C-alpha cells in the first residue's frame, strides 16, 4: 500500500527530552503508526512516506519524503491544538498519580476523560490536515500523541 507512513521521526529541536511517560507514549505511537496507518497526500507523489514531524515556533511542521525525494512540506498552526494538549497533559498527570494510590473507579474515570480529550485532539488535528493530508481516525489519534510530545515543554 502506498498511502501510508513507513518511517517517522520527531524533530524535538532545542526542546528538552520528554518525560519517561511521554517517551513511552511516543514509542508506542510510532510503532503503532508504522504497523498500521492511512496517510495520503493529495496531488503529491505516492508513498510510502517518511515523515519528519517537528515544531517551528508556533507551527507544527510536516516534512514528507517518498523514494528519497521530498514529497510535501507544510506547516499547521499550533494555536487550535494548544489548549487540548494542555488539558490532555493535565489529565494524564492526574491519571499517572491516581494509578499509584487511587481506587479503580477513580482511575477508570480519569482514563475515560483522558481518552475523550485525546479523541478531541485527534479530531482537531484531522480537521487541520484537511486539504494537506488525508488520514483515518486511528492515524490522527497516534499523530496527536506525537504532537503532545512535541508540545510537552509548553505544559505547566
N, C-alpha and C. Protein backbone atom coordinates (compact mmCIF):
# COMPACT_ATOMS: atom_id res chain seq x y z
N UNK A 1 0.84 -1.18 0.00
CA UNK A 1 0.00 0.00 0.00
C UNK A 1 0.88 1.25 0.00
N UNK A 2 0.55 2.21 -0.83
CA UNK A 2 1.38 3.40 -0.94
C UNK A 2 0.89 4.58 -0.11
N UNK A 3 -0.38 4.61 0.25
CA UNK A 3 -0.92 5.71 1.04
C UNK A 3 -0.70 5.44 2.53
N UNK A 4 0.58 5.55 2.93
CA UNK A 4 0.91 5.23 4.31
C UNK A 4 2.25 5.85 4.69
N UNK A 5 2.50 5.88 5.98
CA UNK A 5 3.79 6.30 6.51
C UNK A 5 4.62 5.05 6.77
N UNK A 6 5.88 5.08 6.33
CA UNK A 6 6.75 3.93 6.54
C UNK A 6 7.87 4.22 7.54
N UNK A 7 8.09 5.50 7.82
CA UNK A 7 9.13 5.90 8.78
C UNK A 7 8.70 7.22 9.40
N UNK A 8 8.90 7.35 10.71
CA UNK A 8 8.50 8.56 11.42
C UNK A 8 9.63 8.98 12.34
N UNK A 9 9.95 10.25 12.27
CA UNK A 9 10.98 10.81 13.13
C UNK A 9 10.44 12.10 13.74
N UNK A 10 10.68 12.29 15.02
CA UNK A 10 10.31 13.54 15.69
C UNK A 10 11.53 14.43 15.77
N UNK A 11 11.36 15.66 15.38
CA UNK A 11 12.42 16.65 15.49
C UNK A 11 12.09 17.53 16.69
N UNK A 12 12.72 17.24 17.82
CA UNK A 12 12.45 17.99 19.05
C UNK A 12 13.20 19.31 19.10
N UNK A 13 14.10 19.52 18.14
CA UNK A 13 14.86 20.77 18.12
C UNK A 13 15.63 20.97 19.40
N UNK A 14 15.48 22.16 19.98
CA UNK A 14 16.19 22.52 21.21
C UNK A 14 15.42 22.10 22.47
N UNK A 15 14.25 21.54 22.30
CA UNK A 15 13.41 21.20 23.45
C UNK A 15 14.06 20.11 24.29
N UNK A 16 13.82 20.15 25.60
CA UNK A 16 14.33 19.08 26.46
C UNK A 16 13.63 17.77 26.13
N UNK A 17 14.26 16.65 26.45
CA UNK A 17 13.60 15.38 26.17
C UNK A 17 12.31 15.25 26.96
N UNK A 18 11.34 14.54 26.42
CA UNK A 18 10.08 14.37 27.13
C UNK A 18 10.25 13.49 28.36
N UNK A 19 9.25 13.53 29.23
CA UNK A 19 9.24 12.70 30.42
C UNK A 19 9.25 11.22 30.02
N UNK A 20 9.62 10.33 30.95
CA UNK A 20 9.59 8.90 30.62
C UNK A 20 8.21 8.43 30.15
N UNK A 21 7.15 8.96 30.76
CA UNK A 21 5.80 8.57 30.33
C UNK A 21 5.53 8.99 28.89
N UNK A 22 5.93 10.23 28.55
CA UNK A 22 5.73 10.70 27.18
C UNK A 22 6.64 9.96 26.19
N UNK A 23 7.85 9.63 26.61
CA UNK A 23 8.73 8.85 25.74
C UNK A 23 8.10 7.49 25.43
N UNK A 24 7.49 6.88 26.44
CA UNK A 24 6.81 5.59 26.23
C UNK A 24 5.65 5.76 25.26
N UNK A 25 4.83 6.81 25.46
CA UNK A 25 3.70 7.06 24.55
C UNK A 25 4.20 7.31 23.13
N UNK A 26 5.31 8.05 23.01
CA UNK A 26 5.90 8.33 21.70
C UNK A 26 6.31 7.04 21.01
N UNK A 27 7.02 6.18 21.72
CA UNK A 27 7.48 4.92 21.13
C UNK A 27 6.32 4.04 20.70
N UNK A 28 5.29 3.96 21.53
CA UNK A 28 4.12 3.15 21.19
C UNK A 28 3.41 3.74 19.98
N UNK A 29 3.23 5.07 19.96
CA UNK A 29 2.54 5.71 18.84
C UNK A 29 3.29 5.48 17.53
N UNK A 30 4.60 5.63 17.55
CA UNK A 30 5.39 5.42 16.32
C UNK A 30 5.31 3.96 15.89
N UNK A 31 5.46 3.04 16.83
CA UNK A 31 5.36 1.62 16.49
C UNK A 31 4.00 1.32 15.87
N UNK A 32 2.93 1.78 16.53
CA UNK A 32 1.58 1.51 16.02
C UNK A 32 1.35 2.17 14.66
N UNK A 33 1.87 3.38 14.48
CA UNK A 33 1.72 4.04 13.18
C UNK A 33 2.41 3.27 12.07
N UNK A 34 3.62 2.81 12.33
CA UNK A 34 4.35 2.06 11.31
C UNK A 34 3.61 0.76 10.98
N UNK A 35 3.05 0.13 11.99
CA UNK A 35 2.33 -1.12 11.78
C UNK A 35 1.07 -0.92 10.95
N UNK A 36 0.33 0.15 11.24
CA UNK A 36 -0.94 0.37 10.54
C UNK A 36 -1.27 1.86 10.52
N UNK A 37 -1.40 2.41 9.32
CA UNK A 37 -1.82 3.80 9.19
C UNK A 37 -2.36 4.03 7.79
N UNK A 38 -3.04 5.14 7.65
CA UNK A 38 -3.54 5.57 6.35
C UNK A 38 -3.19 7.04 6.21
N UNK A 39 -2.30 7.35 5.28
CA UNK A 39 -1.80 8.70 5.12
C UNK A 39 -1.58 8.96 3.64
N UNK A 40 -2.37 9.87 3.08
CA UNK A 40 -2.27 10.19 1.65
C UNK A 40 -2.05 11.69 1.49
N UNK A 41 -1.30 12.05 0.47
CA UNK A 41 -1.03 13.44 0.16
C UNK A 41 -1.68 13.78 -1.18
N UNK A 42 -2.80 14.49 -1.16
CA UNK A 42 -3.47 14.83 -2.42
C UNK A 42 -2.55 15.64 -3.33
N UNK A 43 -2.44 15.19 -4.57
CA UNK A 43 -1.64 15.91 -5.56
C UNK A 43 -0.14 15.75 -5.42
N UNK A 44 0.32 14.90 -4.55
CA UNK A 44 1.76 14.69 -4.35
C UNK A 44 2.13 13.31 -4.86
N UNK A 45 3.42 13.06 -5.03
CA UNK A 45 3.85 11.71 -5.43
C UNK A 45 3.33 10.68 -4.42
N UNK A 46 3.08 9.48 -4.90
CA UNK A 46 2.59 8.45 -3.98
C UNK A 46 3.72 7.97 -3.07
N UNK A 47 3.32 7.42 -1.94
CA UNK A 47 4.25 6.95 -0.91
C UNK A 47 4.66 5.54 -1.18
N UNK A 48 5.08 4.85 -0.16
CA UNK A 48 5.00 5.22 1.26
C UNK A 48 5.92 6.40 1.58
N UNK A 49 5.58 7.08 2.71
CA UNK A 49 6.25 8.32 3.07
C UNK A 49 7.08 8.18 4.33
N UNK A 50 8.18 8.92 4.34
CA UNK A 50 8.96 9.12 5.55
C UNK A 50 8.54 10.48 6.09
N UNK A 51 8.14 10.53 7.35
CA UNK A 51 7.66 11.76 7.96
C UNK A 51 8.64 12.23 9.01
N UNK A 52 9.02 13.50 8.91
CA UNK A 52 9.71 14.18 10.00
C UNK A 52 8.72 15.20 10.52
N UNK A 53 8.32 15.01 11.76
CA UNK A 53 7.35 15.88 12.41
C UNK A 53 8.10 16.73 13.40
N UNK A 54 7.97 18.03 13.25
CA UNK A 54 8.70 18.93 14.13
C UNK A 54 7.90 20.16 14.48
N UNK A 55 8.58 21.07 15.11
CA UNK A 55 7.96 22.30 15.55
C UNK A 55 8.87 23.45 15.20
N UNK A 56 8.26 24.48 14.65
CA UNK A 56 8.99 25.70 14.33
C UNK A 56 8.21 26.86 14.92
N UNK A 57 8.62 27.32 16.10
CA UNK A 57 7.89 28.38 16.78
C UNK A 57 6.49 27.93 17.13
N UNK A 58 5.51 28.63 16.60
CA UNK A 58 4.12 28.31 16.89
C UNK A 58 3.48 27.47 15.80
N UNK A 59 4.32 26.77 15.06
CA UNK A 59 3.81 25.95 13.95
C UNK A 59 4.31 24.52 14.08
N UNK A 60 3.47 23.61 13.63
CA UNK A 60 3.79 22.19 13.56
C UNK A 60 4.20 21.92 12.12
N UNK A 61 5.37 21.34 11.93
CA UNK A 61 5.86 21.13 10.55
C UNK A 61 5.86 19.65 10.18
N UNK A 62 5.35 19.40 9.00
CA UNK A 62 5.32 18.07 8.39
C UNK A 62 6.26 18.11 7.20
N UNK A 63 7.28 17.29 7.23
CA UNK A 63 8.21 17.17 6.11
C UNK A 63 8.14 15.72 5.65
N UNK A 64 7.68 15.51 4.42
CA UNK A 64 7.43 14.15 3.92
C UNK A 64 8.28 13.88 2.69
N UNK A 65 8.86 12.70 2.67
CA UNK A 65 9.66 12.26 1.53
C UNK A 65 9.14 10.91 1.06
N UNK A 66 9.28 10.68 -0.25
CA UNK A 66 8.93 9.40 -0.84
C UNK A 66 10.02 9.05 -1.84
N UNK A 67 10.48 7.83 -1.80
CA UNK A 67 11.55 7.37 -2.70
C UNK A 67 12.76 8.30 -2.66
N UNK A 68 13.09 8.79 -1.47
CA UNK A 68 14.28 9.61 -1.30
C UNK A 68 14.14 11.05 -1.72
N UNK A 69 12.99 11.47 -2.22
CA UNK A 69 12.79 12.85 -2.65
C UNK A 69 11.66 13.48 -1.84
N UNK A 70 11.73 14.78 -1.66
CA UNK A 70 10.69 15.45 -0.91
C UNK A 70 9.35 15.32 -1.64
N UNK A 71 8.33 14.88 -0.91
CA UNK A 71 7.00 14.73 -1.48
C UNK A 71 6.11 15.91 -1.11
N UNK A 72 6.29 16.44 0.10
CA UNK A 72 5.50 17.58 0.55
C UNK A 72 6.11 18.13 1.81
N UNK A 73 5.85 19.42 2.02
CA UNK A 73 6.23 20.07 3.27
C UNK A 73 5.14 21.08 3.56
N UNK A 74 4.59 21.03 4.77
CA UNK A 74 3.59 22.01 5.15
C UNK A 74 3.62 22.20 6.65
N UNK A 75 3.07 23.33 7.08
CA UNK A 75 3.00 23.69 8.49
C UNK A 75 1.55 23.88 8.88
N UNK A 76 1.27 23.60 10.14
CA UNK A 76 -0.04 23.87 10.72
C UNK A 76 0.15 24.75 11.94
N UNK A 77 -0.76 25.68 12.14
CA UNK A 77 -0.73 26.50 13.34
C UNK A 77 -1.02 25.61 14.55
N UNK A 78 -0.24 25.81 15.59
CA UNK A 78 -0.45 25.05 16.82
C UNK A 78 -1.53 25.66 17.71
N UNK A 79 -1.94 26.89 17.41
CA UNK A 79 -2.93 27.59 18.23
C UNK A 79 -4.15 26.76 18.58
N UNK A 80 -4.84 26.18 17.58
CA UNK A 80 -6.05 25.42 17.89
C UNK A 80 -5.80 24.15 18.71
N UNK A 81 -4.57 23.68 18.76
CA UNK A 81 -4.25 22.44 19.46
C UNK A 81 -3.71 22.68 20.88
N UNK A 82 -3.23 23.87 21.15
CA UNK A 82 -2.55 24.14 22.43
C UNK A 82 -3.40 23.83 23.65
N UNK A 83 -4.63 24.30 23.68
CA UNK A 83 -5.47 24.08 24.86
C UNK A 83 -5.79 22.60 25.03
N UNK A 84 -6.04 21.92 23.93
CA UNK A 84 -6.34 20.49 24.01
C UNK A 84 -5.12 19.74 24.55
N UNK A 85 -3.94 20.08 24.05
CA UNK A 85 -2.71 19.43 24.53
C UNK A 85 -2.50 19.73 26.01
N UNK A 86 -2.75 20.97 26.41
CA UNK A 86 -2.60 21.34 27.82
C UNK A 86 -3.56 20.53 28.69
N UNK A 87 -4.84 20.47 28.26
CA UNK A 87 -5.83 19.70 29.01
C UNK A 87 -5.44 18.22 29.07
N UNK A 88 -4.95 17.71 27.96
CA UNK A 88 -4.54 16.31 27.91
C UNK A 88 -3.37 16.06 28.88
N UNK A 89 -2.41 16.96 28.88
CA UNK A 89 -1.27 16.82 29.79
C UNK A 89 -1.70 16.83 31.25
N UNK A 90 -2.63 17.70 31.58
CA UNK A 90 -3.10 17.79 32.96
C UNK A 90 -3.85 16.52 33.38
N UNK A 91 -4.71 16.02 32.50
CA UNK A 91 -5.46 14.82 32.86
C UNK A 91 -4.53 13.60 32.92
N UNK A 92 -3.52 13.57 32.06
CA UNK A 92 -2.54 12.47 32.12
C UNK A 92 -1.78 12.50 33.43
N UNK A 93 -1.37 13.69 33.86
CA UNK A 93 -0.65 13.81 35.13
C UNK A 93 -1.52 13.30 36.28
N UNK A 94 -2.79 13.67 36.27
CA UNK A 94 -3.72 13.20 37.30
C UNK A 94 -3.89 11.69 37.23
N UNK A 95 -3.97 11.18 36.02
CA UNK A 95 -4.13 9.73 35.82
C UNK A 95 -2.90 8.98 36.36
N UNK A 96 -1.70 9.45 36.02
CA UNK A 96 -0.48 8.76 36.47
C UNK A 96 -0.37 8.79 37.99
N UNK A 97 -0.79 9.89 38.62
CA UNK A 97 -0.80 9.98 40.09
C UNK A 97 -1.83 9.02 40.67
N UNK A 98 -3.00 8.98 40.06
CA UNK A 98 -4.09 8.13 40.56
C UNK A 98 -3.71 6.66 40.49
N UNK A 99 -2.99 6.28 39.47
CA UNK A 99 -2.59 4.87 39.32
C UNK A 99 -1.78 4.41 40.52
N UNK A 100 -1.06 5.33 41.14
CA UNK A 100 -0.22 4.99 42.28
C UNK A 100 -1.01 4.77 43.56
N UNK A 101 -2.13 5.49 43.72
CA UNK A 101 -2.80 5.47 45.02
C UNK A 101 -4.32 5.33 45.00
N UNK A 102 -4.96 5.67 43.90
CA UNK A 102 -6.43 5.74 43.88
C UNK A 102 -7.07 4.38 43.64
N UNK A 103 -8.37 4.37 43.88
CA UNK A 103 -9.14 3.16 43.64
C UNK A 103 -9.47 3.01 42.17
N UNK A 104 -9.98 1.83 41.83
CA UNK A 104 -10.27 1.51 40.43
C UNK A 104 -11.27 2.46 39.79
N UNK A 105 -12.29 2.87 40.53
CA UNK A 105 -13.32 3.75 39.97
C UNK A 105 -12.74 5.10 39.58
N UNK A 106 -11.89 5.67 40.42
CA UNK A 106 -11.28 6.97 40.12
C UNK A 106 -10.34 6.84 38.92
N UNK A 107 -9.57 5.78 38.88
CA UNK A 107 -8.66 5.56 37.75
C UNK A 107 -9.45 5.42 36.46
N UNK A 108 -10.54 4.68 36.51
CA UNK A 108 -11.36 4.48 35.31
C UNK A 108 -11.97 5.81 34.84
N UNK A 109 -12.43 6.63 35.77
CA UNK A 109 -13.00 7.94 35.43
C UNK A 109 -11.96 8.82 34.76
N UNK A 110 -10.76 8.87 35.33
CA UNK A 110 -9.68 9.66 34.74
C UNK A 110 -9.27 9.12 33.38
N UNK A 111 -9.25 7.80 33.24
CA UNK A 111 -8.87 7.20 31.96
C UNK A 111 -9.91 7.53 30.89
N UNK A 112 -11.19 7.50 31.25
CA UNK A 112 -12.24 7.88 30.30
C UNK A 112 -12.07 9.34 29.86
N UNK A 113 -11.79 10.22 30.81
CA UNK A 113 -11.59 11.63 30.49
C UNK A 113 -10.36 11.82 29.61
N UNK A 114 -9.31 11.08 29.92
CA UNK A 114 -8.07 11.15 29.13
C UNK A 114 -8.34 10.73 27.69
N UNK A 115 -9.07 9.64 27.51
CA UNK A 115 -9.39 9.17 26.15
C UNK A 115 -10.26 10.18 25.41
N UNK A 116 -11.22 10.78 26.12
CA UNK A 116 -12.10 11.76 25.49
C UNK A 116 -11.33 12.97 24.98
N UNK A 117 -10.42 13.49 25.79
CA UNK A 117 -9.62 14.64 25.36
C UNK A 117 -8.70 14.23 24.21
N UNK A 118 -8.16 13.04 24.27
CA UNK A 118 -7.28 12.56 23.20
C UNK A 118 -8.06 12.47 21.88
N UNK A 119 -9.27 11.95 21.93
CA UNK A 119 -10.10 11.86 20.72
C UNK A 119 -10.41 13.26 20.17
N UNK A 120 -10.67 14.20 21.07
CA UNK A 120 -10.93 15.58 20.65
C UNK A 120 -9.70 16.15 19.93
N UNK A 121 -8.52 15.91 20.48
CA UNK A 121 -7.29 16.39 19.85
C UNK A 121 -7.07 15.76 18.49
N UNK A 122 -7.33 14.48 18.37
CA UNK A 122 -7.17 13.79 17.09
C UNK A 122 -8.15 14.33 16.06
N UNK A 123 -9.38 14.60 16.49
CA UNK A 123 -10.38 15.16 15.58
C UNK A 123 -9.95 16.55 15.09
N UNK A 124 -9.45 17.37 16.00
CA UNK A 124 -8.98 18.71 15.64
C UNK A 124 -7.80 18.62 14.68
N UNK A 125 -6.87 17.73 14.96
CA UNK A 125 -5.71 17.56 14.07
C UNK A 125 -6.16 17.12 12.69
N UNK A 126 -7.08 16.19 12.63
CA UNK A 126 -7.57 15.70 11.35
C UNK A 126 -8.22 16.84 10.55
N UNK A 127 -8.99 17.68 11.24
CA UNK A 127 -9.60 18.83 10.56
C UNK A 127 -8.53 19.79 10.06
N UNK A 128 -7.49 20.02 10.85
CA UNK A 128 -6.40 20.93 10.46
C UNK A 128 -5.63 20.38 9.25
N UNK A 129 -5.60 19.07 9.10
CA UNK A 129 -4.88 18.45 7.99
C UNK A 129 -5.68 18.46 6.68
N UNK A 130 -6.97 18.77 6.75
CA UNK A 130 -7.81 18.74 5.54
C UNK A 130 -7.18 19.57 4.42
N UNK A 131 -7.14 18.96 3.23
CA UNK A 131 -6.56 19.62 2.06
C UNK A 131 -5.06 19.42 1.93
N UNK A 132 -4.42 19.00 3.01
CA UNK A 132 -2.97 18.79 3.00
C UNK A 132 -2.64 17.30 3.04
N UNK A 133 -3.34 16.58 3.91
CA UNK A 133 -3.12 15.14 4.05
C UNK A 133 -4.44 14.49 4.46
N UNK A 134 -4.66 13.30 3.96
CA UNK A 134 -5.84 12.54 4.31
C UNK A 134 -5.42 11.41 5.25
N UNK A 135 -6.01 11.43 6.45
CA UNK A 135 -5.67 10.41 7.44
C UNK A 135 -6.95 9.83 8.01
N UNK A 136 -6.88 8.59 8.44
CA UNK A 136 -8.03 7.98 9.09
C UNK A 136 -8.00 8.36 10.59
N UNK A 137 -9.10 8.10 11.31
CA UNK A 137 -9.15 8.49 12.73
C UNK A 137 -8.04 7.87 13.58
N UNK A 138 -7.70 6.62 13.35
CA UNK A 138 -6.64 5.99 14.16
C UNK A 138 -5.28 6.62 13.90
N UNK A 139 -4.99 6.94 12.65
CA UNK A 139 -3.74 7.61 12.32
C UNK A 139 -3.71 8.98 12.98
N UNK A 140 -4.82 9.71 12.95
CA UNK A 140 -4.89 11.02 13.59
C UNK A 140 -4.66 10.91 15.09
N UNK A 141 -5.21 9.87 15.72
CA UNK A 141 -5.02 9.67 17.16
C UNK A 141 -3.54 9.50 17.49
N UNK A 142 -2.88 8.68 16.73
CA UNK A 142 -1.46 8.42 17.01
C UNK A 142 -0.60 9.65 16.70
N UNK A 143 -0.95 10.37 15.64
CA UNK A 143 -0.22 11.61 15.34
C UNK A 143 -0.44 12.65 16.43
N UNK A 144 -1.66 12.69 16.99
CA UNK A 144 -1.91 13.63 18.08
C UNK A 144 -1.01 13.30 19.28
N UNK A 145 -0.79 12.04 19.55
CA UNK A 145 0.13 11.66 20.63
C UNK A 145 1.50 12.27 20.38
N UNK A 146 1.96 12.23 19.14
CA UNK A 146 3.28 12.79 18.82
C UNK A 146 3.27 14.31 18.94
N UNK A 147 2.16 14.95 18.61
CA UNK A 147 2.04 16.40 18.81
C UNK A 147 2.17 16.72 20.30
N UNK A 148 1.57 15.90 21.15
CA UNK A 148 1.67 16.10 22.60
C UNK A 148 3.12 16.03 23.06
N UNK A 149 3.88 15.13 22.49
CA UNK A 149 5.30 15.01 22.84
C UNK A 149 6.02 16.30 22.42
N UNK A 150 5.73 16.78 21.21
CA UNK A 150 6.39 17.99 20.73
C UNK A 150 6.05 19.23 21.55
N UNK A 151 4.84 19.26 22.11
CA UNK A 151 4.40 20.40 22.89
C UNK A 151 4.58 20.21 24.39
N UNK A 152 5.23 19.14 24.79
CA UNK A 152 5.32 18.81 26.22
C UNK A 152 5.99 19.93 27.03
N UNK A 153 6.91 20.67 26.46
CA UNK A 153 7.56 21.74 27.23
C UNK A 153 6.65 22.93 27.44
N UNK A 154 5.50 22.98 26.75
CA UNK A 154 4.54 24.06 26.95
C UNK A 154 3.64 23.82 28.16
N UNK A 155 3.68 22.62 28.69
CA UNK A 155 2.78 22.29 29.80
C UNK A 155 3.26 22.97 31.08
N UNK A 156 2.30 23.24 31.97
CA UNK A 156 2.70 23.88 33.25
C UNK A 156 3.52 22.95 34.11
